Every structure is written in structure tokens, then in C-alpha cells.
């Protein structure tokens, strides 16, 4: 199987660059919040060795 990849170079102005950076920052924040929620959920369901039977 052959996989082709392409690289594109975007030519954006300063306003577009700021908007792209903002969108990426929001996505990063959402991902980190969801990851934190998942870790908290998993930690709340851990079974400690002395409490499991």
C-alpha cells in the first residue's frame, strides 16, 4: 500500500494568524479540561487495596 502525503504552506495575514492561534488555544484548553475530567473520574473509581473485598 502506498501512502501519499502533501504539505501545504499557508500564506496568512496577521489577523488570520491571530484567529488561527486563538482557535488552537481554545482547542488545547478544551482538550486539557476533558483530560482533567477523565483523570478525576478514573481516580474517583480507584479501588484501594485495603478497601476492596
N, C-alpha and C. Protein backbone atom coordinates (compact mmCIF):
# COMPACT_ATOMS: atom_id res chain seq x y z
N UNK A 1 0.84 -1.17 0.00
CA UNK A 1 0.00 0.00 0.00
C UNK A 1 0.89 1.24 0.00
N UNK A 2 0.57 2.17 -0.85
CA UNK A 2 1.33 3.41 -0.96
C UNK A 2 0.53 4.53 -0.30
N UNK A 3 1.22 5.27 0.55
CA UNK A 3 0.59 6.41 1.20
C UNK A 3 1.23 7.68 0.68
N UNK A 4 0.42 8.57 0.17
CA UNK A 4 0.92 9.85 -0.31
C UNK A 4 0.62 10.92 0.73
N UNK A 5 1.58 11.77 0.97
CA UNK A 5 1.37 12.88 1.88
C UNK A 5 1.68 14.18 1.15
N UNK A 6 1.00 15.21 1.55
CA UNK A 6 1.20 16.52 0.94
C UNK A 6 1.44 17.53 2.04
N UNK A 7 2.25 18.51 1.75
CA UNK A 7 2.47 19.61 2.66
C UNK A 7 2.04 20.89 1.97
N UNK A 8 1.32 21.71 2.72
CA UNK A 8 0.86 22.99 2.18
C UNK A 8 1.41 24.10 3.05
N UNK A 9 1.75 25.18 2.45
CA UNK A 9 2.20 26.35 3.17
C UNK A 9 1.11 27.41 3.05
N UNK A 10 0.56 27.79 4.19
CA UNK A 10 -0.48 28.82 4.19
C UNK A 10 0.17 30.20 4.21
N UNK A 11 -0.38 31.09 3.44
CA UNK A 11 0.08 32.47 3.45
C UNK A 11 -1.05 33.30 4.05
N UNK A 12 -0.92 33.55 5.34
CA UNK A 12 -1.98 34.25 6.06
C UNK A 12 -1.47 35.63 6.50
N UNK A 13 -2.43 36.54 6.66
CA UNK A 13 -2.05 37.85 7.18
C UNK A 13 -2.08 37.81 8.71
N UNK A 14 -1.74 38.91 9.35
CA UNK A 14 -1.63 38.93 10.81
C UNK A 14 -2.97 38.62 11.50
N UNK A 15 -4.04 39.16 10.97
CA UNK A 15 -5.36 38.92 11.56
C UNK A 15 -5.72 37.44 11.49
N UNK A 16 -5.50 36.82 10.35
CA UNK A 16 -5.79 35.40 10.20
C UNK A 16 -4.89 34.56 11.12
N UNK A 17 -3.65 34.96 11.25
CA UNK A 17 -2.72 34.24 12.13
C UNK A 17 -3.21 34.30 13.58
N UNK A 18 -3.66 35.48 14.02
CA UNK A 18 -4.19 35.63 15.38
C UNK A 18 -5.42 34.75 15.58
N UNK A 19 -6.30 34.70 14.59
CA UNK A 19 -7.50 33.89 14.70
C UNK A 19 -7.17 32.40 14.75
N UNK A 20 -6.21 31.97 13.95
CA UNK A 20 -5.80 30.56 13.96
C UNK A 20 -5.19 30.20 15.31
N UNK A 21 -4.33 31.07 15.83
CA UNK A 21 -3.72 30.82 17.13
C UNK A 21 -4.78 30.76 18.22
N UNK A 22 -5.77 31.65 18.15
CA UNK A 22 -6.86 31.65 19.13
C UNK A 22 -7.64 30.34 19.06
N UNK A 23 -7.98 29.89 17.87
CA UNK A 23 -8.73 28.65 17.69
C UNK A 23 -7.93 27.47 18.26
N UNK A 24 -6.63 27.43 17.98
CA UNK A 24 -5.80 26.35 18.50
C UNK A 24 -5.70 26.40 20.02
N UNK A 25 -5.62 27.60 20.59
CA UNK A 25 -5.58 27.74 22.05
C UNK A 25 -6.87 27.26 22.70
N UNK A 26 -8.00 27.59 22.09
CA UNK A 26 -9.29 27.13 22.62
C UNK A 26 -9.37 25.61 22.55
N UNK A 27 -8.95 25.04 21.44
CA UNK A 27 -8.96 23.59 21.30
C UNK A 27 -8.07 22.92 22.33
N UNK A 28 -6.90 23.52 22.58
CA UNK A 28 -5.98 22.99 23.59
C UNK A 28 -6.61 23.05 24.98
N UNK A 29 -7.28 24.14 25.29
CA UNK A 29 -7.93 24.28 26.59
C UNK A 29 -9.05 23.26 26.77
N UNK A 30 -9.84 23.07 25.74
CA UNK A 30 -10.94 22.09 25.81
C UNK A 30 -10.38 20.69 26.00
N UNK A 31 -9.33 20.35 25.26
CA UNK A 31 -8.72 19.02 25.38
C UNK A 31 -8.17 18.81 26.79
N UNK A 32 -7.44 19.80 27.31
CA UNK A 32 -6.85 19.67 28.65
C UNK A 32 -7.93 19.57 29.72
N UNK A 33 -9.03 20.32 29.58
CA UNK A 33 -10.12 20.23 30.54
C UNK A 33 -10.75 18.84 30.51
N UNK A 34 -11.00 18.32 29.31
CA UNK A 34 -11.60 16.99 29.18
C UNK A 34 -10.66 15.92 29.74
N UNK A 35 -9.37 16.06 29.50
CA UNK A 35 -8.41 15.11 30.04
C UNK A 35 -8.40 15.16 31.56
N UNK A 36 -8.46 16.35 32.12
CA UNK A 36 -8.51 16.50 33.57
C UNK A 36 -9.77 15.87 34.15
N UNK A 37 -10.90 16.08 33.49
CA UNK A 37 -12.15 15.47 33.95
C UNK A 37 -12.06 13.95 33.91
N UNK A 38 -11.48 13.42 32.86
CA UNK A 38 -11.34 11.96 32.73
C UNK A 38 -10.43 11.40 33.82
N UNK A 39 -9.31 12.08 34.08
CA UNK A 39 -8.40 11.63 35.14
C UNK A 39 -9.09 11.67 36.50
N UNK A 40 -9.84 12.74 36.78
CA UNK A 40 -10.56 12.84 38.04
C UNK A 40 -11.58 11.72 38.18
N UNK A 41 -12.29 11.43 37.10
CA UNK A 41 -13.30 10.37 37.11
C UNK A 41 -12.65 9.02 37.39
N UNK A 42 -11.53 8.74 36.72
CA UNK A 42 -10.83 7.47 36.94
C UNK A 42 -10.29 7.37 38.36
N UNK A 43 -9.73 8.46 38.87
CA UNK A 43 -9.19 8.44 40.23
C UNK A 43 -10.28 8.27 41.27
N UNK A 44 -11.47 8.76 41.00
CA UNK A 44 -12.56 8.62 41.97
C UNK A 44 -13.08 7.19 42.02
N UNK A 45 -12.75 6.36 41.04
CA UNK A 45 -13.22 4.99 41.00
C UNK A 45 -12.13 3.97 41.28
N UNK A 46 -10.97 4.43 41.70
CA UNK A 46 -9.89 3.51 42.05
C UNK A 46 -10.27 2.74 43.30
N UNK A 47 -9.88 1.51 43.30
CA UNK A 47 -10.15 0.66 44.44
C UNK A 47 -8.85 0.48 45.21
N UNK A 48 -8.79 1.03 46.41
CA UNK A 48 -7.59 0.90 47.21
C UNK A 48 -7.49 -0.53 47.73
N UNK A 49 -6.28 -1.02 47.90
CA UNK A 49 -6.05 -2.43 48.26
C UNK A 49 -6.70 -2.79 49.59
N UNK A 50 -6.70 -1.90 50.56
CA UNK A 50 -7.25 -2.23 51.87
C UNK A 50 -8.78 -2.07 51.93
N UNK A 51 -9.40 -1.55 50.88
CA UNK A 51 -10.85 -1.34 50.89
C UNK A 51 -11.58 -2.26 49.93
N UNK A 52 -10.87 -3.06 49.18
CA UNK A 52 -11.51 -3.96 48.21
C UNK A 52 -11.73 -5.33 48.83
N UNK A 53 -12.91 -5.86 48.66
CA UNK A 53 -13.17 -7.23 49.09
C UNK A 53 -14.44 -7.71 48.43
